[in-house]
Amino acid sequence: MTRPPESLLHIDWTACDGRGLCTEILPDLLGRDDWGYPQARASARAPGAGSDVPVPQSRIVARDEAVALCPRLALSLIIRP
């Protein structure tokens, strides 16, 4: 049996202005720092991931919605086989 590809949500903090729409769409994966910028919640954080947040298969639809609706285009996808 093959594993599904790993899905990572990449946050480009240089493009982000901290509006927080992504944190509303993915509250189980993303929280906000003191300045309002998204950050991976401890439960979603992969060691050494930095701005790349692993997304479980059950949250793929919400992930795609967050990327599509980001007003600053600060979110992108990384798919690893």
PDB file of N, CA and C in Angstrom:
ATOM      1  N   MET A   1       0.843  -1.185   0.000  1.00  0.00           N
ATOM      2  CA  MET A   1       0.000   0.000   0.000  1.00  0.00           C
ATOM      3  C   MET A   1       0.886   1.245   0.000  1.00  0.00           C
ATOM      4  N   THR A   2       0.586   2.196  -0.864  1.00  0.00           N
ATOM      5  CA  THR A   2       1.385   3.420  -0.935  1.00  0.00           C
ATOM      6  C   THR A   2       0.806   4.492  -0.033  1.00  0.00           C
ATOM      7  N   ARG A   3       1.701   5.266   0.507  1.00  0.00           N
ATOM      8  CA  ARG A   3       1.308   6.400   1.352  1.00  0.00           C
ATOM      9  C   ARG A   3       0.864   7.557   0.482  1.00  0.00           C
ATOM     10  N   PRO A   4      -0.128   8.329   0.950  1.00  0.00           N
ATOM     11  CA  PRO A   4      -0.478   9.541   0.201  1.00  0.00           C
ATOM     12  C   PRO A   4       0.677  10.540   0.284  1.00  0.00           C
ATOM     13  N   PRO A   5       0.803  11.421  -0.681  1.00  0.00           N
ATOM     14  CA  PRO A   5       1.891  12.405  -0.639  1.00  0.00           C
ATOM     15  C   PRO A   5       1.757  13.304   0.589  1.00  0.00           C
ATOM     16  N   GLU A   6       2.904  13.734   1.101  1.00  0.00           N
ATOM     17  CA  GLU A   6       2.906  14.660   2.233  1.00  0.00           C
ATOM     18  C   GLU A   6       2.555  16.048   1.714  1.00  0.00           C
ATOM     19  N   SER A   7       1.683  16.707   2.433  1.00  0.00           N
ATOM     20  CA  SER A   7       1.225  18.037   2.058  1.00  0.00           C
ATOM     21  C   SER A   7       1.713  19.041   3.100  1.00  0.00           C
ATOM     22  N   LEU A   8       2.404  20.070   2.631  1.00  0.00           N
ATOM     23  CA  LEU A   8       2.885  21.126   3.518  1.00  0.00           C
ATOM     24  C   LEU A   8       2.295  22.456   3.073  1.00  0.00           C
ATOM     25  N   LEU A   9       1.875  23.242   4.037  1.00  0.00           N
ATOM     26  CA  LEU A   9       1.407  24.600   3.790  1.00  0.00           C
ATOM     27  C   LEU A   9       2.581  25.525   4.092  1.00  0.00           C
ATOM     28  N   HIS A  10       3.061  26.219   3.070  1.00  0.00           N
ATOM     29  CA  HIS A  10       4.194  27.128   3.248  1.00  0.00           C
ATOM     30  C   HIS A  10       3.679  28.543   3.491  1.00  0.00           C
ATOM     31  N   ILE A  11       4.185  29.175   4.541  1.00  0.00           N
ATOM     32  CA  ILE A  11       3.817  30.550   4.876  1.00  0.00           C
ATOM     33  C   ILE A  11       4.980  31.470   4.507  1.00  0.00           C
ATOM     34  N   ASP A  12       4.722  32.409   3.617  1.00  0.00           N
ATOM     35  CA  ASP A  12       5.723  33.409   3.233  1.00  0.00           C
ATOM     36  C   ASP A  12       5.479  34.637   4.112  1.00  0.00           C
ATOM     37  N   TRP A  13       6.205  34.705   5.210  1.00  0.00           N
ATOM     38  CA  TRP A  13       5.982  35.795   6.161  1.00  0.00           C
ATOM     39  C   TRP A  13       6.335  37.159   5.581  1.00  0.00           C
ATOM     40  N   THR A  14       7.156  37.210   4.540  1.00  0.00           N
ATOM     41  CA  THR A  14       7.479  38.510   3.935  1.00  0.00           C
ATOM     42  C   THR A  14       6.307  39.051   3.121  1.00  0.00           C
ATOM     43  N   ALA A  15       5.435  38.174   2.641  1.00  0.00           N
ATOM     44  CA  ALA A  15       4.253  38.607   1.885  1.00  0.00           C
ATOM     45  C   ALA A  15       3.046  38.818   2.793  1.00  0.00           C
ATOM     46  N   CYS A  16       3.016  38.143   3.926  1.00  0.00           N
ATOM     47  CA  CYS A  16       1.866  38.169   4.836  1.00  0.00           C
ATOM     48  C   CYS A  16       1.751  39.526   5.541  1.00  0.00           C
ATOM     49  N   ASP A  17       0.502  39.962   5.736  1.00  0.00           N
ATOM     50  CA  ASP A  17       0.306  41.180   6.532  1.00  0.00           C
ATOM     51  C   ASP A  17      -0.514  40.900   7.791  1.00  0.00           C
ATOM     52  N   GLY A  18      -0.682  39.630   8.130  1.00  0.00           N
ATOM     53  CA  GLY A  18      -1.300  39.262   9.402  1.00  0.00           C
ATOM     54  C   GLY A  18      -2.797  39.453   9.482  1.00  0.00           C
ATOM     55  N   ARG A  19      -3.510  39.349   8.394  1.00  0.00           N
ATOM     56  CA  ARG A  19      -4.972  39.507   8.429  1.00  0.00           C
ATOM     57  C   ARG A  19      -5.645  38.369   9.189  1.00  0.00           C
ATOM     58  N   GLY A  20      -5.077  37.164   9.117  1.00  0.00           N
ATOM     59  CA  GLY A  20      -5.566  36.054   9.936  1.00  0.00           C
ATOM     60  C   GLY A  20      -6.640  35.177   9.324  1.00  0.00           C
ATOM     61  N   LEU A  21      -6.951  35.364   8.049  1.00  0.00           N
ATOM     62  CA  LEU A  21      -7.965  34.529   7.423  1.00  0.00           C
ATOM     63  C   LEU A  21      -7.560  33.058   7.474  1.00  0.00           C
ATOM     64  N   CYS A  22      -6.304  32.761   7.245  1.00  0.00           N
ATOM     65  CA  CYS A  22      -5.844  31.373   7.266  1.00  0.00           C
ATOM     66  C   CYS A  22      -6.007  30.751   8.658  1.00  0.00           C
ATOM     67  N   THR A  23      -5.824  31.551   9.697  1.00  0.00           N
ATOM     68  CA  THR A  23      -5.981  31.015  11.049  1.00  0.00           C
ATOM     69  C   THR A  23      -7.447  30.745  11.379  1.00  0.00           C
ATOM     70  N   GLU A  24      -8.345  31.440  10.706  1.00  0.00           N
ATOM     71  CA  GLU A  24      -9.778  31.176  10.888  1.00  0.00           C
ATOM     72  C   GLU A  24     -10.203  29.920  10.137  1.00  0.00           C
ATOM     73  N   ILE A  25      -9.602  29.682   8.978  1.00  0.00           N
ATOM     74  CA  ILE A  25      -9.933  28.509   8.177  1.00  0.00           C
ATOM     75  C   ILE A  25      -9.285  27.249   8.739  1.00  0.00           C
ATOM     76  N   LEU A  26      -8.085  27.366   9.280  1.00  0.00           N
ATOM     77  CA  LEU A  26      -7.333  26.226   9.813  1.00  0.00           C
ATOM     78  C   LEU A  26      -6.956  26.434  11.288  1.00  0.00           C
ATOM     79  N   PRO A  27      -7.941  26.644  12.161  1.00  0.00           N
ATOM     80  CA  PRO A  27      -7.613  26.952  13.562  1.00  0.00           C
ATOM     81  C   PRO A  27      -6.925  25.805  14.295  1.00  0.00           C
ATOM     82  N   ASP A  28      -7.114  24.578  13.822  1.00  0.00           N
ATOM     83  CA  ASP A  28      -6.456  23.448  14.453  1.00  0.00           C
ATOM     84  C   ASP A  28      -4.979  23.338  14.085  1.00  0.00           C
ATOM     85  N   LEU A  29      -4.568  23.986  12.990  1.00  0.00           N
ATOM     86  CA  LEU A  29      -3.186  23.937  12.536  1.00  0.00           C
ATOM     87  C   LEU A  29      -2.424  25.228  12.755  1.00  0.00           C
ATOM     88  N   LEU A  30      -3.139  26.368  12.677  1.00  0.00           N
ATOM     89  CA  LEU A  30      -2.477  27.670  12.741  1.00  0.00           C
ATOM     90  C   LEU A  30      -3.018  28.538  13.870  1.00  0.00           C
ATOM     91  N   GLY A  31      -2.108  29.152  14.580  1.00  0.00           N
ATOM     92  CA  GLY A  31      -2.454  30.168  15.565  1.00  0.00           C
ATOM     93  C   GLY A  31      -1.844  31.480  15.092  1.00  0.00           C
ATOM     94  N   ARG A  32      -1.906  32.491  15.948  1.00  0.00           N
ATOM     95  CA  ARG A  32      -1.331  33.792  15.598  1.00  0.00           C
ATOM     96  C   ARG A  32      -0.298  34.187  16.640  1.00  0.00           C
ATOM     97  N   ASP A  33       0.777  34.819  16.170  1.00  0.00           N
ATOM     98  CA  ASP A  33       1.779  35.295  17.118  1.00  0.00           C
ATOM     99  C   ASP A  33       1.333  36.645  17.688  1.00  0.00           C
ATOM    100  N   ASP A  34       2.183  37.274  18.462  1.00  0.00           N
ATOM    101  CA  ASP A  34       1.827  38.537  19.121  1.00  0.00           C
ATOM    102  C   ASP A  34       1.524  39.671  18.141  1.00  0.00           C
ATOM    103  N   TRP A  35       1.997  39.560  16.905  1.00  0.00           N
ATOM    104  CA  TRP A  35       1.784  40.590  15.893  1.00  0.00           C
ATOM    105  C   TRP A  35       0.685  40.210  14.897  1.00  0.00           C
ATOM    106  N   GLY A  36       0.055  39.061  15.107  1.00  0.00           N
ATOM    107  CA  GLY A  36      -1.042  38.624  14.249  1.00  0.00           C
ATOM    108  C   GLY A  36      -0.649  37.728  13.089  1.00  0.00           C
ATOM    109  N   TYR A  37       0.618  37.406  12.971  1.00  0.00           N
ATOM    110  CA  TYR A  37       1.069  36.560  11.870  1.00  0.00           C
ATOM    111  C   TYR A  37       0.816  35.080  12.184  1.00  0.00           C
ATOM    112  N   PRO A  38       0.507  34.283  11.145  1.00  0.00           N
ATOM    113  CA  PRO A  38       0.227  32.869  11.381  1.00  0.00           C
ATOM    114  C   PRO A  38       1.477  32.097  11.785  1.00  0.00           C
ATOM    115  N   GLN A  39       1.262  31.120  12.633  1.00  0.00           N
ATOM    116  CA  GLN A  39       2.334  30.211  13.015  1.00  0.00           C
ATOM    117  C   GLN A  39       1.714  28.854  13.301  1.00  0.00           C
ATOM    118  N   ALA A  40       2.494  27.817  13.091  1.00  0.00           N
ATOM    119  CA  ALA A  40       1.999  26.466  13.336  1.00  0.00           C
ATOM    120  C   ALA A  40       1.728  26.279  14.817  1.00  0.00           C
ATOM    121  N   ARG A  41       0.587  25.692  15.121  1.00  0.00           N
ATOM    122  CA  ARG A  41       0.306  25.321  16.508  1.00  0.00           C
ATOM    123  C   ARG A  41       1.276  24.221  16.900  1.00  0.00           C
ATOM    124  N   ALA A  42       1.576  24.114  18.174  1.00  0.00           N
ATOM    125  CA  ALA A  42       2.528  23.113  18.652  1.00  0.00           C
ATOM    126  C   ALA A  42       2.135  21.706  18.213  1.00  0.00           C
ATOM    127  N   SER A  43       0.826  21.415  18.195  1.00  0.00           N
ATOM    128  CA  SER A  43       0.364  20.084  17.811  1.00  0.00           C
ATOM    129  C   SER A  43       0.568  19.811  16.321  1.00  0.00           C
ATOM    130  N   ALA A  44       0.706  20.857  15.513  1.00  0.00           N
ATOM    131  CA  ALA A  44       0.861  20.698  14.066  1.00  0.00           C
ATOM    132  C   ALA A  44       2.301  20.898  13.610  1.00  0.00           C
ATOM    133  N   ARG A  45       3.153  21.325  14.501  1.00  0.00           N
ATOM    134  CA  ARG A  45       4.515  21.696  14.137  1.00  0.00           C
ATOM    135  C   ARG A  45       5.388  20.455  13.940  1.00  0.00           C
ATOM    136  N   ALA A  46       6.073  20.414  12.833  1.00  0.00           N
ATOM    137  CA  ALA A  46       7.050  19.367  12.585  1.00  0.00           C
ATOM    138  C   ALA A  46       8.420  19.896  12.999  1.00  0.00           C
ATOM    139  N   PRO A  47       9.260  19.061  13.588  1.00  0.00           N
ATOM    140  CA  PRO A  47      10.584  19.534  13.991  1.00  0.00           C
ATOM    141  C   PRO A  47      11.347  20.132  12.813  1.00  0.00           C
ATOM    142  N   GLY A  48      11.850  21.326  12.985  1.00  0.00           N
ATOM    143  CA  GLY A  48      12.639  21.990  11.966  1.00  0.00           C
ATOM    144  C   GLY A  48      11.845  22.488  10.773  1.00  0.00           C
ATOM    145  N   ALA A  49      10.506  22.504  10.874  1.00  0.00           N
ATOM    146  CA  ALA A  49       9.676  22.870   9.733  1.00  0.00           C
ATOM    147  C   ALA A  49       9.681  24.368   9.456  1.00  0.00           C
ATOM    148  N   GLY A  50       9.865  25.186  10.466  1.00  0.00           N
ATOM    149  CA  GLY A  50       9.860  26.631  10.249  1.00  0.00           C
ATOM    150  C   GLY A  50       8.534  27.116   9.697  1.00  0.00           C
ATOM    151  N   SER A  51       8.545  27.564   8.461  1.00  0.00           N
ATOM    152  CA  SER A  51       7.337  28.121   7.863  1.00  0.00           C
ATOM    153  C   SER A  51       6.531  27.095   7.070  1.00  0.00           C
ATOM    154  N   ASP A  52       6.906  25.825   7.143  1.00  0.00           N
ATOM    155  CA  ASP A  52       6.189  24.758   6.441  1.00  0.00           C
ATOM    156  C   ASP A  52       5.396  23.929   7.452  1.00  0.00           C
ATOM    157  N   VAL A  53       4.068  23.963   7.309  1.00  0.00           N
ATOM    158  CA  VAL A  53       3.164  23.305   8.264  1.00  0.00           C
ATOM    159  C   VAL A  53       2.573  22.053   7.621  1.00  0.00           C
ATOM    160  N   PRO A  54       2.813  20.873   8.213  1.00  0.00           N
ATOM    161  CA  PRO A  54       2.219  19.652   7.676  1.00  0.00           C
ATOM    162  C   PRO A  54       0.689  19.710   7.781  1.00  0.00           C
ATOM    163  N   VAL A  55       0.014  19.250   6.732  1.00  0.00           N
ATOM    164  CA  VAL A  55      -1.448  19.261   6.696  1.00  0.00           C
ATOM    165  C   VAL A  55      -1.941  17.821   6.548  1.00  0.00           C
ATOM    166  N   PRO A  56      -2.729  17.344   7.513  1.00  0.00           N
ATOM    167  CA  PRO A  56      -3.256  15.977   7.395  1.00  0.00           C
ATOM    168  C   PRO A  56      -4.261  15.863   6.250  1.00  0.00           C
ATOM    169  N   GLN A  57      -4.426  14.648   5.726  1.00  0.00           N
ATOM    170  CA  GLN A  57      -5.348  14.402   4.622  1.00  0.00           C
ATOM    171  C   GLN A  57      -6.759  14.902   4.929  1.00  0.00           C
ATOM    172  N   SER A  58      -7.163  14.842   6.183  1.00  0.00           N
ATOM    173  CA  SER A  58      -8.515  15.262   6.560  1.00  0.00           C
ATOM    174  C   SER A  58      -8.735  16.768   6.425  1.00  0.00           C
ATOM    175  N   ARG A  59      -7.669  17.539   6.239  1.00  0.00           N
ATOM    176  CA  ARG A  59      -7.778  19.006   6.173  1.00  0.00           C
ATOM    177  C   ARG A  59      -7.403  19.568   4.800  1.00  0.00           C
ATOM    178  N   ILE A  60      -7.355  18.707   3.779  1.00  0.00           N
ATOM    179  CA  ILE A  60      -6.945  19.134   2.442  1.00  0.00           C
ATOM    180  C   ILE A  60      -7.885  20.192   1.858  1.00  0.00           C
ATOM    181  N   VAL A  61      -9.187  20.019   2.017  1.00  0.00           N
ATOM    182  CA  VAL A  61     -10.152  20.985   1.464  1.00  0.00           C
ATOM    183  C   VAL A  61      -9.955  22.352   2.128  1.00  0.00           C
ATOM    184  N   ALA A  62      -9.813  22.378   3.450  1.00  0.00           N
ATOM    185  CA  ALA A  62      -9.601  23.644   4.162  1.00  0.00           C
ATOM    186  C   ALA A  62      -8.255  24.258   3.776  1.00  0.00           C
ATOM    187  N   ARG A  63      -7.238  23.432   3.593  1.00  0.00           N
ATOM    188  CA  ARG A  63      -5.919  23.924   3.162  1.00  0.00           C
ATOM    189  C   ARG A  63      -6.032  24.639   1.829  1.00  0.00           C
ATOM    190  N   ASP A  64      -6.716  23.997   0.868  1.00  0.00           N
ATOM    191  CA  ASP A  64      -6.875  24.596  -0.455  1.00  0.00           C
ATOM    192  C   ASP A  64      -7.666  25.902  -0.387  1.00  0.00           C
ATOM    193  N   GLU A  65      -8.668  25.946   0.482  1.00  0.00           N
ATOM    194  CA  GLU A  65      -9.463  27.165   0.665  1.00  0.00           C
ATOM    195  C   GLU A  65      -8.596  28.289   1.225  1.00  0.00           C
ATOM    196  N   ALA A  66      -7.770  27.979   2.214  1.00  0.00           N
ATOM    197  CA  ALA A  66      -6.901  28.998   2.815  1.00  0.00           C
ATOM    198  C   ALA A  66      -5.934  29.565   1.779  1.00  0.00           C
ATOM    199  N   VAL A  67      -5.349  28.697   0.965  1.00  0.00           N
ATOM    200  CA  VAL A  67      -4.412  29.160  -0.071  1.00  0.00           C
ATOM    201  C   VAL A  67      -5.141  30.039  -1.082  1.00  0.00           C
ATOM    202  N   ALA A  68      -6.311  29.605  -1.524  1.00  0.00           N
ATOM    203  CA  ALA A  68      -7.063  30.340  -2.545  1.00  0.00           C
ATOM    204  C   ALA A  68      -7.555  31.701  -2.046  1.00  0.00           C
ATOM    205  N   LEU A  69      -7.876  31.801  -0.761  1.00  0.00           N
ATOM    206  CA  LEU A  69      -8.462  33.028  -0.230  1.00  0.00           C
ATOM    207  C   LEU A  69      -7.464  33.991   0.408  1.00  0.00           C
ATOM    208  N   CYS A  70      -6.200  33.605   0.504  1.00  0.00           N
ATOM    209  CA  CYS A  70      -5.208  34.496   1.116  1.00  0.00           C
ATOM    210  C   CYS A  70      -5.096  35.779   0.298  1.00  0.00           C
ATOM    211  N   PRO A  71      -5.438  36.930   0.892  1.00  0.00           N
ATOM    212  CA  PRO A  71      -5.447  38.185   0.128  1.00  0.00           C
ATOM    213  C   PRO A  71      -4.050  38.655  -0.291  1.00  0.00           C
ATOM    214  N   ARG A  72      -3.016  38.185   0.364  1.00  0.00           N
ATOM    215  CA  ARG A  72      -1.651  38.613   0.043  1.00  0.00           C
ATOM    216  C   ARG A  72      -0.855  37.542  -0.690  1.00  0.00           C
ATOM    217  N   LEU A  73      -1.508  36.416  -1.040  1.00  0.00           N
ATOM    218  CA  LEU A  73      -0.850  35.304  -1.720  1.00  0.00           C
ATOM    219  C   LEU A  73       0.382  34.825  -0.942  1.00  0.00           C
ATOM    220  N   ALA A  74       0.257  34.823   0.379  1.00  0.00           N
ATOM    221  CA  ALA A  74       1.364  34.452   1.246  1.00  0.00           C
ATOM    222  C   ALA A  74       1.402  32.962   1.560  1.00  0.00           C
ATOM    223  N   LEU A  75       0.424  32.206   1.066  1.00  0.00           N
ATOM    224  CA  LEU A  75       0.387  30.768   1.308  1.00  0.00           C
ATOM    225  C   LEU A  75       0.594  30.019   0.007  1.00  0.00           C
ATOM    226  N   SER A  76       1.336  28.939   0.079  1.00  0.00           N
ATOM    227  CA  SER A  76       1.518  28.078  -1.084  1.00  0.00           C
ATOM    228  C   SER A  76       1.625  26.642  -0.591  1.00  0.00           C
ATOM    229  N   LEU A  77       1.569  25.729  -1.548  1.00  0.00           N
ATOM    230  CA  LEU A  77       1.601  24.312  -1.224  1.00  0.00           C
ATOM    231  C   LEU A  77       2.927  23.689  -1.624  1.00  0.00           C
ATOM    232  N   ILE A  78       3.344  22.769  -0.800  1.00  0.00           N
ATOM    233  CA  ILE A  78       4.482  21.923  -1.132  1.00  0.00           C
ATOM    234  C   ILE A  78       3.971  20.501  -1.018  1.00  0.00           C
ATOM    235  N   ILE A  79       4.045  19.755  -2.107  1.00  0.00           N
ATOM    236  CA  ILE A  79       3.606  18.364  -2.103  1.00  0.00           C
ATOM    237  C   ILE A  79       4.837  17.493  -2.292  1.00  0.00           C
ATOM    238  N   ARG A  80       5.064  16.596  -1.344  1.00  0.00           N
ATOM    239  CA  ARG A  80       6.209  15.685  -1.427  1.00  0.00           C
ATOM    240  C   ARG A  80       5.704  14.263  -1.558  1.00  0.00           C
ATOM    241  N   PRO A  81       6.272  13.510  -2.504  1.00  0.00           N
ATOM    242  CA  PRO A  81       5.831  12.113  -2.672  1.00  0.00           C
ATOM    243  C   PRO A  81       6.182  11.249  -1.479  1.00  0.00           C
TER     244      PRO A  81
END
